[in-house]
Amino acid sequence: MTIPTVPLNDGHSIPQLGYGVFKVPAEDAERAVSEALEVGYRHIDTAAIYGNEEGVGAAIAASGIARDDLYVTTKLWNDRHDGDEPDRAIEESLGKLGLDHVDLYLVHWPTPARDNYVHAWEKLVGIRDRGLTRSAGVSNFLVPHLDRIVAETGVTPAVNQIELHPAHQRRDITTWAAEHDVRIESWGPLGQGKYDLFGLPAVADAAEAHGKTPAQAVLRWHLQKGFVVFPKSVRRERLEENIQVFDFALTDAEMAAIDALDPLDGSGRVGSHPDDVN
């Protein structure tokens, strides 16, 4: 299984499908990531706050896969934006992962009430320039946060990882990203099971038309939108299902039907609002 890559604005590229380990318990992370690598995933998305970087690192070390064939993302947590804390945080993450660099390092949340995300972004740019990460990006940033970091630093992030699924498509952010050549990564791409996404006719009908599961139809929708996506599962059969999304394509009509599922009033959000996480 060869997973396609998409280009980033810094000259690097990123596998468009990866494996996310949000809420994968530390004691299960090594097994889960090992199985994901066996299935064919080469892009692993973790974070300091997940508490499972050691397990991810152990799986990578045991896999025998060449470092250049892997893409590893981790993230800076909210209480480490000030001073030199980002520098210490990346060193700690690298130590836990057993790596000398990650491929992508993200500011996990903007924490606007603390008003220190511009500093955090400046530090990530420095971390990138020192070679501890190949690319630097942000997560959960809204348009005002994005405008501000670009205006004050002159550096545009490579990616913005945001909650994005058919009921919450954040067209304001995706439009901004397209205009600034920023790649969107979708977290919670299947709505985290918090609404009946798979029972919606637009999804169910598309899945049936292609002989695929509803989850596969939704993941295909993300891919055709150009988003980077990493569904999370700790079940091998689901890992295998989620990667079988490159042998079919949704029609324009099927894409439009899923596009129309967003109520556009923000009510489709299933996670926290970025302004409220501090």
C-alpha atoms as a PDB file:
ATOM      1  CA  MET A   1       0.000   0.000   0.000  1.00  0.00           C
ATOM      2  CA  THR A   2       1.519   3.299  -1.132  1.00  0.00           C
ATOM      3  CA  ILE A   3      -0.083   6.301   0.541  1.00  0.00           C
ATOM      4  CA  PRO A   4       0.123   9.472  -1.557  1.00  0.00           C
ATOM      5  CA  THR A   5       1.965  12.506  -0.257  1.00  0.00           C
ATOM      6  CA  VAL A   6       0.968  16.150  -0.660  1.00  0.00           C
ATOM      7  CA  PRO A   7       3.372  19.099  -0.818  1.00  0.00           C
ATOM      8  CA  LEU A   8       3.832  21.619   1.989  1.00  0.00           C
ATOM      9  CA  ASN A   9       4.705  25.293   1.560  1.00  0.00           C
ATOM     10  CA  ASP A  10       8.209  24.755   2.964  1.00  0.00           C
ATOM     11  CA  GLY A  11       9.345  22.331   0.274  1.00  0.00           C
ATOM     12  CA  HIS A  12       8.655  19.166   2.253  1.00  0.00           C
ATOM     13  CA  SER A  13       5.776  16.768   1.730  1.00  0.00           C
ATOM     14  CA  ILE A  14       3.450  14.838   4.038  1.00  0.00           C
ATOM     15  CA  PRO A  15       1.626  11.509   3.688  1.00  0.00           C
ATOM     16  CA  GLN A  16      -2.046  12.326   3.202  1.00  0.00           C
ATOM     17  CA  LEU A  17      -3.286   9.503   5.443  1.00  0.00           C
ATOM     18  CA  GLY A  18      -1.828   8.806   8.850  1.00  0.00           C
ATOM     19  CA  TYR A  19      -2.543   7.177  12.182  1.00  0.00           C
ATOM     20  CA  GLY A  20      -3.574   9.359  15.115  1.00  0.00           C
ATOM     21  CA  VAL A  21      -2.963   8.190  18.680  1.00  0.00           C
ATOM     22  CA  PHE A  22      -5.190  10.668  20.545  1.00  0.00           C
ATOM     23  CA  LYS A  23      -6.610   8.872  23.604  1.00  0.00           C
ATOM     24  CA  VAL A  24      -4.603   5.720  22.897  1.00  0.00           C
ATOM     25  CA  PRO A  25      -3.514   4.698  26.416  1.00  0.00           C
ATOM     26  CA  ALA A  26       0.222   4.695  27.043  1.00  0.00           C
ATOM     27  CA  GLU A  27       0.186   0.968  27.739  1.00  0.00           C
ATOM     28  CA  ASP A  28      -1.493   0.269  24.384  1.00  0.00           C
ATOM     29  CA  ALA A  29       0.447   2.719  22.215  1.00  0.00           C
ATOM     30  CA  GLU A  30       3.372   0.474  21.268  1.00  0.00           C
ATOM     31  CA  ARG A  31       1.080  -2.354  20.166  1.00  0.00           C
ATOM     32  CA  ALA A  32      -1.318  -0.047  18.323  1.00  0.00           C
ATOM     33  CA  VAL A  33       1.408   1.837  16.470  1.00  0.00           C
ATOM     34  CA  SER A  34       3.237  -1.395  15.660  1.00  0.00           C
ATOM     35  CA  GLU A  35       0.067  -2.784  14.108  1.00  0.00           C
ATOM     36  CA  ALA A  36      -0.489   0.448  12.177  1.00  0.00           C
ATOM     37  CA  LEU A  37       3.031   0.238  10.769  1.00  0.00           C
ATOM     38  CA  GLU A  38       2.498  -3.422   9.860  1.00  0.00           C
ATOM     39  CA  VAL A  39      -0.716  -2.515   8.029  1.00  0.00           C
ATOM     40  CA  GLY A  40       1.134   0.124   6.013  1.00  0.00           C
ATOM     41  CA  TYR A  41       0.785   3.441   7.805  1.00  0.00           C
ATOM     42  CA  ARG A  42       3.913   5.584   7.753  1.00  0.00           C
ATOM     43  CA  HIS A  43       2.568   8.815   9.274  1.00  0.00           C
ATOM     44  CA  ILE A  44       2.054   8.844  13.054  1.00  0.00           C
ATOM     45  CA  ASP A  45       0.465  11.814  14.833  1.00  0.00           C
ATOM     46  CA  THR A  46       1.002  12.135  18.580  1.00  0.00           C
ATOM     47  CA  ALA A  47       1.370  14.952  21.135  1.00  0.00           C
ATOM     48  CA  ALA A  48       3.088  15.570  24.433  1.00  0.00           C
ATOM     49  CA  ILE A  49      -0.251  15.769  26.250  1.00  0.00           C
ATOM     50  CA  TYR A  50      -1.313  12.347  24.954  1.00  0.00           C
ATOM     51  CA  GLY A  51       1.212  10.720  27.270  1.00  0.00           C
ATOM     52  CA  ASN A  52       2.108   8.045  24.744  1.00  0.00           C
ATOM     53  CA  GLU A  53       5.215   9.359  22.978  1.00  0.00           C
ATOM     54  CA  GLU A  54       7.327   6.607  24.602  1.00  0.00           C
ATOM     55  CA  GLY A  55       5.054   3.923  23.169  1.00  0.00           C
ATOM     56  CA  VAL A  56       5.169   5.521  19.746  1.00  0.00           C
ATOM     57  CA  GLY A  57       8.957   5.639  19.928  1.00  0.00           C
ATOM     58  CA  ALA A  58       9.212   2.026  21.047  1.00  0.00           C
ATOM     59  CA  ALA A  59       7.063   0.904  18.112  1.00  0.00           C
ATOM     60  CA  ILE A  60       9.175   2.903  15.676  1.00  0.00           C
ATOM     61  CA  ALA A  61      12.394   1.469  17.100  1.00  0.00           C
ATOM     62  CA  ALA A  62      11.091  -2.088  16.899  1.00  0.00           C
ATOM     63  CA  SER A  63       9.678  -1.717  13.398  1.00  0.00           C
ATOM     64  CA  GLY A  64      12.955  -1.764  11.512  1.00  0.00           C
ATOM     65  CA  ILE A  65      11.513   0.825   9.124  1.00  0.00           C
ATOM     66  CA  ALA A  66      14.042   3.389   7.920  1.00  0.00           C
ATOM     67  CA  ARG A  67      13.608   6.797   9.568  1.00  0.00           C
ATOM     68  CA  ASP A  68      13.324   8.504   6.197  1.00  0.00           C
ATOM     69  CA  ASP A  69      10.306   6.330   5.413  1.00  0.00           C
ATOM     70  CA  LEU A  70       8.397   7.536   8.472  1.00  0.00           C
ATOM     71  CA  TYR A  71       6.597  10.803   9.170  1.00  0.00           C
ATOM     72  CA  VAL A  72       6.199  11.691  12.854  1.00  0.00           C
ATOM     73  CA  THR A  73       4.248  14.618  14.286  1.00  0.00           C
ATOM     74  CA  THR A  74       4.098  15.784  17.890  1.00  0.00           C
ATOM     75  CA  LYS A  75       2.784  18.921  19.548  1.00  0.00           C
ATOM     76  CA  LEU A  76       3.685  21.613  22.091  1.00  0.00           C
ATOM     77  CA  TRP A  77       1.281  21.683  25.039  1.00  0.00           C
ATOM     78  CA  ASN A  78      -0.485  24.806  26.295  1.00  0.00           C
ATOM     79  CA  ASP A  79       1.513  25.377  29.496  1.00  0.00           C
ATOM     80  CA  ARG A  80       4.840  25.482  27.649  1.00  0.00           C
ATOM     81  CA  HIS A  81       4.447  28.506  25.373  1.00  0.00           C
ATOM     82  CA  ASP A  82       6.452  30.980  27.462  1.00  0.00           C
ATOM     83  CA  GLY A  83      10.179  31.709  27.602  1.00  0.00           C
ATOM     84  CA  ASP A  84      12.377  28.808  26.569  1.00  0.00           C
ATOM     85  CA  GLU A  85       9.782  26.193  27.457  1.00  0.00           C
ATOM     86  CA  PRO A  86       9.174  25.237  23.797  1.00  0.00           C
ATOM     87  CA  ASP A  87      12.882  24.407  23.430  1.00  0.00           C
ATOM     88  CA  ARG A  88      12.778  22.204  26.512  1.00  0.00           C
ATOM     89  CA  ALA A  89       9.508  20.625  25.418  1.00  0.00           C
ATOM     90  CA  ILE A  90      10.765  19.514  22.000  1.00  0.00           C
ATOM     91  CA  GLU A  91      13.892  18.009  23.574  1.00  0.00           C
ATOM     92  CA  GLU A  92      11.715  16.063  26.009  1.00  0.00           C
ATOM     93  CA  SER A  93       9.452  14.837  23.219  1.00  0.00           C
ATOM     94  CA  LEU A  94      12.412  13.765  21.104  1.00  0.00           C
ATOM     95  CA  GLY A  95      13.845  11.891  24.072  1.00  0.00           C
ATOM     96  CA  LYS A  96      10.591  10.022  24.612  1.00  0.00           C
ATOM     97  CA  LEU A  97      10.230   9.271  20.908  1.00  0.00           C
ATOM     98  CA  GLY A  98      13.858   8.191  20.613  1.00  0.00           C
ATOM     99  CA  LEU A  99      14.364  10.467  17.606  1.00  0.00           C
ATOM    100  CA  ASP A 100      16.760  13.268  16.732  1.00  0.00           C
ATOM    101  CA  HIS A 101      14.013  15.190  14.929  1.00  0.00           C
ATOM    102  CA  VAL A 102      10.314  15.038  14.154  1.00  0.00           C
ATOM    103  CA  ASP A 103       8.861  15.768  10.747  1.00  0.00           C
ATOM    104  CA  LEU A 104       6.223  18.188  12.024  1.00  0.00           C
ATOM    105  CA  TYR A 105       5.925  20.101  15.299  1.00  0.00           C
ATOM    106  CA  LEU A 106       2.697  21.924  16.091  1.00  0.00           C
ATOM    107  CA  VAL A 107       1.509  24.522  18.582  1.00  0.00           C
ATOM    108  CA  HIS A 108      -1.317  22.387  19.962  1.00  0.00           C
ATOM    109  CA  TRP A 109      -3.792  25.176  20.835  1.00  0.00           C
ATOM    110  CA  PRO A 110      -3.545  28.971  20.553  1.00  0.00           C
ATOM    111  CA  THR A 111      -4.608  29.547  24.203  1.00  0.00           C
ATOM    112  CA  PRO A 112      -5.745  33.111  23.411  1.00  0.00           C
ATOM    113  CA  ALA A 113      -6.467  33.998  27.047  1.00  0.00           C
ATOM    114  CA  ARG A 114      -2.751  33.574  27.778  1.00  0.00           C
ATOM    115  CA  ASP A 115      -1.829  35.718  24.755  1.00  0.00           C
ATOM    116  CA  ASN A 116       1.459  33.918  24.201  1.00  0.00           C
ATOM    117  CA  TYR A 117       0.863  31.972  21.000  1.00  0.00           C
ATOM    118  CA  VAL A 118       2.877  34.409  18.875  1.00  0.00           C
ATOM    119  CA  HIS A 119       5.896  33.750  21.091  1.00  0.00           C
ATOM    120  CA  ALA A 120       5.258  30.016  20.913  1.00  0.00           C
ATOM    121  CA  TRP A 121       5.120  30.219  17.132  1.00  0.00           C
ATOM    122  CA  GLU A 122       8.374  32.190  16.996  1.00  0.00           C
ATOM    123  CA  LYS A 123      10.032  29.484  19.093  1.00  0.00           C
ATOM    124  CA  LEU A 124       8.740  26.736  16.790  1.00  0.00           C
ATOM    125  CA  VAL A 125      10.227  28.541  13.811  1.00  0.00           C
ATOM    126  CA  GLY A 126      13.555  28.532  15.650  1.00  0.00           C
ATOM    127  CA  ILE A 127      13.165  24.842  16.463  1.00  0.00           C
ATOM    128  CA  ARG A 128      12.573  24.199  12.766  1.00  0.00           C
ATOM    129  CA  ASP A 129      15.583  26.269  11.793  1.00  0.00           C
ATOM    130  CA  ARG A 130      17.762  24.205  14.158  1.00  0.00           C
ATOM    131  CA  GLY A 131      16.670  20.995  12.480  1.00  0.00           C
ATOM    132  CA  LEU A 132      14.740  19.510  15.402  1.00  0.00           C
ATOM    133  CA  THR A 133      11.649  19.454  13.198  1.00  0.00           C
ATOM    134  CA  ARG A 134      11.487  19.540   9.431  1.00  0.00           C
ATOM    135  CA  SER A 135       8.245  21.523   9.350  1.00  0.00           C
ATOM    136  CA  ALA A 136       6.437  23.775  11.807  1.00  0.00           C
ATOM    137  CA  GLY A 137       2.714  24.279  12.039  1.00  0.00           C
ATOM    138  CA  VAL A 138      -0.223  24.983  14.292  1.00  0.00           C
ATOM    139  CA  SER A 139      -3.314  23.205  15.512  1.00  0.00           C
ATOM    140  CA  ASN A 140      -6.770  24.560  16.338  1.00  0.00           C
ATOM    141  CA  PHE A 141      -5.887  28.077  15.162  1.00  0.00           C
ATOM    142  CA  LEU A 142      -8.753  30.272  13.998  1.00  0.00           C
ATOM    143  CA  VAL A 143      -8.385  32.872  11.258  1.00  0.00           C
ATOM    144  CA  PRO A 144      -7.598  35.763  13.663  1.00  0.00           C
ATOM    145  CA  HIS A 145      -4.839  33.690  15.287  1.00  0.00           C
ATOM    146  CA  LEU A 146      -3.420  32.784  11.878  1.00  0.00           C
ATOM    147  CA  ASP A 147      -3.522  36.364  10.639  1.00  0.00           C
ATOM    148  CA  ARG A 148      -1.709  37.538  13.741  1.00  0.00           C
ATOM    149  CA  ILE A 149       1.164  35.063  13.715  1.00  0.00           C
ATOM    150  CA  VAL A 150       1.833  35.699  10.030  1.00  0.00           C
ATOM    151  CA  ALA A 151       1.642  39.483  10.472  1.00  0.00           C
ATOM    152  CA  GLU A 152       3.931  39.520  13.509  1.00  0.00           C
ATOM    153  CA  THR A 153       6.508  36.928  12.420  1.00  0.00           C
ATOM    154  CA  GLY A 154       6.337  36.908   8.636  1.00  0.00           C
ATOM    155  CA  VAL A 155       6.286  33.098   8.725  1.00  0.00           C
ATOM    156  CA  THR A 156       3.282  31.097   7.533  1.00  0.00           C
ATOM    157  CA  PRO A 157       2.716  27.688   9.136  1.00  0.00           C
ATOM    158  CA  ALA A 158       2.985  24.615   6.951  1.00  0.00           C
ATOM    159  CA  VAL A 159      -0.224  23.115   8.328  1.00  0.00           C
ATOM    160  CA  ASN A 160      -3.186  23.870  10.551  1.00  0.00           C
ATOM    161  CA  GLN A 161      -4.682  20.816  12.208  1.00  0.00           C
ATOM    162  CA  ILE A 162      -8.329  21.467  13.068  1.00  0.00           C
ATOM    163  CA  GLU A 163     -11.523  19.678  13.981  1.00  0.00           C
ATOM    164  CA  LEU A 164     -13.061  18.930  10.609  1.00  0.00           C
ATOM    165  CA  HIS A 165     -15.744  16.464   9.592  1.00  0.00           C
ATOM    166  CA  PRO A 166     -18.870  16.662   7.420  1.00  0.00           C
ATOM    167  CA  ALA A 167     -20.989  18.456  10.047  1.00  0.00           C
ATOM    168  CA  HIS A 168     -18.215  20.939  10.888  1.00  0.00           C
ATOM    169  CA  GLN A 169     -16.236  21.933   7.810  1.00  0.00           C
ATOM    170  CA  ARG A 170     -14.793  25.314   8.889  1.00  0.00           C
ATOM    171  CA  ARG A 171     -14.892  26.906   5.463  1.00  0.00           C
ATOM    172  CA  ASP A 172     -13.486  30.178   6.804  1.00  0.00           C
ATOM    173  CA  ILE A 173     -10.293  28.400   7.888  1.00  0.00           C
ATOM    174  CA  THR A 174     -10.039  26.166   4.825  1.00  0.00           C
ATOM    175  CA  THR A 175     -10.478  29.192   2.552  1.00  0.00           C
ATOM    176  CA  TRP A 176      -7.735  31.067   4.434  1.00  0.00           C
ATOM    177  CA  ALA A 177      -5.504  28.025   4.186  1.00  0.00           C
ATOM    178  CA  ALA A 178      -6.018  27.720   0.438  1.00  0.00           C
ATOM    179  CA  GLU A 179      -5.188  31.398  -0.021  1.00  0.00           C
ATOM    180  CA  HIS A 180      -1.968  31.055   2.026  1.00  0.00           C
ATOM    181  CA  ASP A 181      -0.848  27.615   0.786  1.00  0.00           C
ATOM    182  CA  VAL A 182      -1.347  26.048   4.205  1.00  0.00           C
ATOM    183  CA  ARG A 183      -2.260  22.371   4.357  1.00  0.00           C
ATOM    184  CA  ILE A 184      -5.319  21.441   6.434  1.00  0.00           C
ATOM    185  CA  GLU A 185      -5.190  18.371   8.646  1.00  0.00           C
ATOM    186  CA  SER A 186      -8.519  16.996   9.863  1.00  0.00           C
ATOM    187  CA  TRP A 187      -8.772  15.772  13.436  1.00  0.00           C
ATOM    188  CA  GLY A 188     -11.907  13.910  14.452  1.00  0.00           C
ATOM    189  CA  PRO A 189     -12.503  13.213  10.739  1.00  0.00           C
ATOM    190  CA  LEU A 190     -15.368  10.832  11.494  1.00  0.00           C
ATOM    191  CA  GLY A 191     -17.013  13.085  14.091  1.00  0.00           C
ATOM    192  CA  GLN A 192     -15.667  10.968  16.976  1.00  0.00           C
ATOM    193  CA  GLY A 193     -18.899   8.963  16.923  1.00  0.00           C
ATOM    194  CA  LYS A 194     -20.748  11.869  18.529  1.00  0.00           C
ATOM    195  CA  TYR A 195     -23.484  12.051  15.884  1.00  0.00           C
ATOM    196  CA  ASP A 196     -24.994   9.614  13.419  1.00  0.00           C
ATOM    197  CA  LEU A 197     -22.652  10.512  10.580  1.00  0.00           C
ATOM    198  CA  PHE A 198     -22.758   7.067   9.034  1.00  0.00           C
ATOM    199  CA  GLY A 199     -26.557   7.036   8.992  1.00  0.00           C
ATOM    200  CA  LEU A 200     -26.855  10.246   6.994  1.00  0.00           C
ATOM    201  CA  PRO A 201     -28.124   9.500   3.466  1.00  0.00           C
ATOM    202  CA  ALA A 202     -25.345  11.469   1.756  1.00  0.00           C
ATOM    203  CA  VAL A 203     -22.754   9.248   3.463  1.00  0.00           C
ATOM    204  CA  ALA A 204     -24.646   5.965   3.429  1.00  0.00           C
ATOM    205  CA  ASP A 205     -25.607   6.305  -0.232  1.00  0.00           C
ATOM    206  CA  ALA A 206     -22.045   7.134  -1.304  1.00  0.00           C
ATOM    207  CA  ALA A 207     -20.708   4.152   0.619  1.00  0.00           C
ATOM    208  CA  GLU A 208     -23.256   1.791  -0.910  1.00  0.00           C
ATOM    209  CA  ALA A 209     -22.601   3.075  -4.425  1.00  0.00           C
ATOM    210  CA  HIS A 210     -18.914   2.164  -4.170  1.00  0.00           C
ATOM    211  CA  GLY A 211     -19.188  -0.985  -2.091  1.00  0.00           C
ATOM    212  CA  LYS A 212     -17.405   0.722   0.786  1.00  0.00           C
ATOM    213  CA  THR A 213     -18.176   1.378   4.443  1.00  0.00           C
ATOM    214  CA  PRO A 214     -19.533   4.782   5.513  1.00  0.00           C
ATOM    215  CA  ALA A 215     -16.222   5.472   7.284  1.00  0.00           C
ATOM    216  CA  GLN A 216     -14.312   4.822   4.078  1.00  0.00           C
ATOM    217  CA  ALA A 217     -16.649   7.142   2.159  1.00  0.00           C
ATOM    218  CA  VAL A 218     -16.066   9.957   4.653  1.00  0.00           C
ATOM    219  CA  LEU A 219     -12.296   9.466   4.649  1.00  0.00           C
ATOM    220  CA  ARG A 220     -12.374   9.554   0.857  1.00  0.00           C
ATOM    221  CA  TRP A 221     -14.288  12.851   1.030  1.00  0.00           C
ATOM    222  CA  HIS A 222     -11.484  14.331   3.180  1.00  0.00           C
ATOM    223  CA  LEU A 223      -8.822  13.117   0.775  1.00  0.00           C
ATOM    224  CA  GLN A 224     -10.592  14.512  -2.280  1.00  0.00           C
ATOM    225  CA  LYS A 225     -10.897  17.867  -0.496  1.00  0.00           C
ATOM    226  CA  GLY A 226      -7.094  17.831  -0.258  1.00  0.00           C
ATOM    227  CA  PHE A 227      -7.014  17.425   3.521  1.00  0.00           C
ATOM    228  CA  VAL A 228      -4.520  15.318   5.454  1.00  0.00           C
ATOM    229  CA  VAL A 229      -6.447  12.882   7.608  1.00  0.00           C
ATOM    230  CA  PHE A 230      -5.548  10.465  10.407  1.00  0.00           C
ATOM    231  CA  PRO A 231      -8.384   8.405  11.852  1.00  0.00           C
ATOM    232  CA  LYS A 232      -7.740   6.798  15.210  1.00  0.00           C
ATOM    233  CA  SER A 233      -8.502   3.203  16.117  1.00  0.00           C
ATOM    234  CA  VAL A 234      -6.931   0.564  18.324  1.00  0.00           C
ATOM    235  CA  ARG A 235      -8.510  -2.311  16.373  1.00  0.00           C
ATOM    236  CA  ARG A 236      -6.443  -3.885  13.608  1.00  0.00           C
ATOM    237  CA  GLU A 237      -9.448  -4.579  11.390  1.00  0.00           C
ATOM    238  CA  ARG A 238     -10.403  -0.916  11.534  1.00  0.00           C
ATOM    239  CA  LEU A 239      -6.820   0.127  10.785  1.00  0.00           C
ATOM    240  CA  GLU A 240      -6.965  -2.056   7.691  1.00  0.00           C
ATOM    241  CA  GLU A 241     -10.363  -0.693   6.677  1.00  0.00           C
ATOM    242  CA  ASN A 242      -9.295   2.932   7.060  1.00  0.00           C
ATOM    243  CA  ILE A 243      -6.329   2.547   4.721  1.00  0.00           C
ATOM    244  CA  GLN A 244      -8.400   1.005   1.902  1.00  0.00           C
ATOM    245  CA  VAL A 245      -9.525   4.357   0.545  1.00  0.00           C
ATOM    246  CA  PHE A 246      -7.329   4.837  -2.506  1.00  0.00           C
ATOM    247  CA  ASP A 247      -9.066   2.455  -4.915  1.00  0.00           C
ATOM    248  CA  PHE A 248     -12.217   4.495  -5.528  1.00  0.00           C
ATOM    249  CA  ALA A 249     -13.336   8.096  -5.933  1.00  0.00           C
ATOM    250  CA  LEU A 250     -16.532   9.878  -4.976  1.00  0.00           C
ATOM    251  CA  THR A 251     -18.414  11.584  -7.785  1.00  0.00           C
ATOM    252  CA  ASP A 252     -18.903  15.338  -7.880  1.00  0.00           C
ATOM    253  CA  ALA A 253     -22.521  14.813  -6.841  1.00  0.00           C
ATOM    254  CA  GLU A 254     -21.527  12.625  -3.900  1.00  0.00           C
ATOM    255  CA  MET A 255     -18.945  15.183  -2.793  1.00  0.00           C
ATOM    256  CA  ALA A 256     -21.523  17.982  -3.030  1.00  0.00           C
ATOM    257  CA  ALA A 257     -24.039  15.993  -0.990  1.00  0.00           C
ATOM    258  CA  ILE A 258     -21.529  15.543   1.838  1.00  0.00           C
ATOM    259  CA  ASP A 259     -20.463  19.184   1.525  1.00  0.00           C
ATOM    260  CA  ALA A 260     -24.088  20.141   2.211  1.00  0.00           C
ATOM    261  CA  LEU A 261     -24.139  18.417   5.623  1.00  0.00           C
ATOM    262  CA  ASP A 262     -22.569  21.354   7.479  1.00  0.00           C
ATOM    263  CA  PRO A 263     -25.245  23.545   9.137  1.00  0.00           C
ATOM    264  CA  LEU A 264     -22.764  26.479   8.937  1.00  0.00           C
ATOM    265  CA  ASP A 265     -23.809  27.811  12.356  1.00  0.00           C
ATOM    266  CA  GLY A 266     -21.092  26.049  14.327  1.00  0.00           C
ATOM    267  CA  SER A 267     -23.542  23.596  15.863  1.00  0.00           C
ATOM    268  CA  GLY A 268     -21.754  20.666  14.263  1.00  0.00           C
ATOM    269  CA  ARG A 269     -18.677  21.049  16.500  1.00  0.00           C
ATOM    270  CA  VAL A 270     -18.064  17.991  18.690  1.00  0.00           C
ATOM    271  CA  GLY A 271     -14.805  19.136  20.333  1.00  0.00           C
ATOM    272  CA  SER A 272     -13.746  22.205  22.276  1.00  0.00           C
ATOM    273  CA  HIS A 273     -13.857  25.706  20.831  1.00  0.00           C
ATOM    274  CA  PRO A 274     -10.286  26.983  20.365  1.00  0.00           C
ATOM    275  CA  ASP A 275     -11.070  30.196  22.215  1.00  0.00           C
ATOM    276  CA  ASP A 276     -12.082  28.204  25.284  1.00  0.00           C
ATOM    277  CA  VAL A 277      -8.969  26.015  25.635  1.00  0.00           C
ATOM    278  CA  ASN A 278      -6.365  27.845  27.678  1.00  0.00           C
END
